[in-house]
Amino acid sequence: MDWKIPPPPIEERLIAGERCADIIVAGLGYAGSAALRAAQEAGVSVIGLESQLEERYTLFGRDVGHINSRFLHSRGIPEVAPNDLFDEWMRRAGNRANPGLVRQFCNKSGEAFDWYTDMFGLEGLKAVHVAFWPEGADKFKAASLKGDNRINGYRFWYGTAEFPDPMGWPGTPTLPACAKANLEKAQAAGAELLFGMQAVQPVMDEERVAGVIAADREGLLYRFRANKAVILAAGDFGGDSDMLRDLCPDIADVLPPGGKLRSMGRKGDGIRIGVWAGGRLESRPIPTMGGNGLVPMGMCNFGSVWFDERGHRFCNEVFGGTELAGFAGNQNGIREILAVFDEHALENELRWAVPAHGGFDSNIEGLAENLRTLTRYAYSGGAQPYTAKLKMPLGVQSAFYGSTPEELAINAGLEKETAAALCRSIRRYNEMACAGADIEFGRDPKTLDPLTGMLFLQRIKTDMLGLVMVTGGGLLTDERQRVLGEDWKPVKGLYATGNCCGRRYGSQYSTPISGVSIGMAITLGREAGRMAADEKEGAAD
């Protein structure tokens, strides 16, 4: 059945009970927890519904990208002009994003971060790092402090709060614990939290959304009426294969034979409810985190040069950062990328690595020293790939090496024709680097250094194509995050925030600061809670 077709109305005899509040928040992730707390603080009654059981409640992520918070100021991070960030965001989005939503993030993300973490205070955030700060990327940092933070025309800023987590470093609070603390703060102020309760259908009063019906873990159905509004904050739709194929057709279009769509995302409950209530979707393809571009694992793209499985260079490796650079190979059927770097990467290219996704963060313990150890190992002799304790920003632990392109190709086990092509391509790249101009693909001259000394190669399979972390859009809204109907007018009583909300990115989650997905969820979730609390009962305007 087409997922957009509403299911039959639930019979009244199946409703086990009914509750009522001014605001019903469906989904209590980062956006939902912020919306719940903000609405409660606005003085209205609020009920929050969360499909996870309370004892199993957890969320993905540890990074909150934002600008100009007290927290960032306390760490010495320079102020960012909101209009500069706005301009860069809209450029990356191809002007597809809703400027009203983007403007709110640029203007309010700092205060929203401080508000979301206020129960800990600055002292309680000691274990929270700022990504790529204070060490590393010295050349980019020095240039950016003088106002030149552009690589190939795209701008980047520092502003990612990295929380402790089990895969990173010890400490408190984790980011999921921070979300839980916001829920508890709202609950202490009078909000009602119901875990193990999944919203399944809208409750309609003619053209107005008057609430939702939700199912508990035993399958019992309850009606939750909203005097003012329902806020959909139930996350993305990546976990529903039908929705993913329908709304993100560009991913299926670029899959190789036998390739599969995969996602870590949620099931799209909130977006389906919004559509069934008469809401309109943003235009396709809806943006995703990954899936539609080749993002090689291993060495940071600022530190390496990429060649295809035939030994030919095929793109500007640093264009727009990891996400946009990854578009270069998605139409070409590339099954393996040969990423080549040299012993000088730490002193040359990586000093220009940007503070964004896939960047080289030398604050990560052991990362820089592992590269120095790799060089020492290579000079010790032998042709076996180095794997011992090798850390890379994006996995792929082994690296072949050689003192010349020919030796490198032999040690990497490349076939004769591929080896010859790779050697020619490396020498061609070096000629352009020495001349200071990449006349083939336009790599920014700042990052253009010849591959010299001991050379290293990582053979990287491109099986990440088709793997979506989460989707990043959905229901079309106005700048208040009111869901718009097919007539482009607000659906009465319905809001969407977080990954239920559309028009926040372009065709891909491409960002000038890493972690802005959660940063935007917190910022716009807070605004949705405030706007919904201000809603006049039964009104659309």
Foldseek 3Di string as FASTA:
>chain_A
DQLLADDDDDDPVQAPEEAEWQEEEAAQDLLSLLLLLLLLVLPTEYEYEAQADPVPDFDDDFKAFAFDAPLCVVQVFDHDDLVVQLVLQCVQQVVLFFSLLSSLRSVCLRVLVCVLQVVQPSVNLPQWDFFLPDDFLQVLVVCVVVPDQDFQRHHFGTGMTGADDPVADDHDDGVRVSSVVSNVVSVVSPYHYDYQWHFAAFDDDDLAGQFTWIAHPVRRIHTYGHQFFYEYERWFQLVAVSCCCVQAVLLVVLADVVAAAAEPTDHCRSQSNCSNSFFDKRHPNFAFAFQNFFQFFFAQLLFWFKDALLQAGFAQSQPLGRPVRRNRCSNPPGFKIKIKGALCSRVARLSNFGQAPSHDRPVRPPQVVLSVVLLVVVVVDDFAWDQPPHDHSGDQRTKTKDQALLSSCVSVPRDPSSSVSNNVNLVVLQVCLVVQADPPHGGGSRSRHRHHGMMIIGITGRSSNNYTHGGAAIFEAHSLQFGAGPVRFGRGRYGYAQSNHHRSRHRYPRRSHYNNSSSSSSSSSNSNSNSSSVGDRRDRD
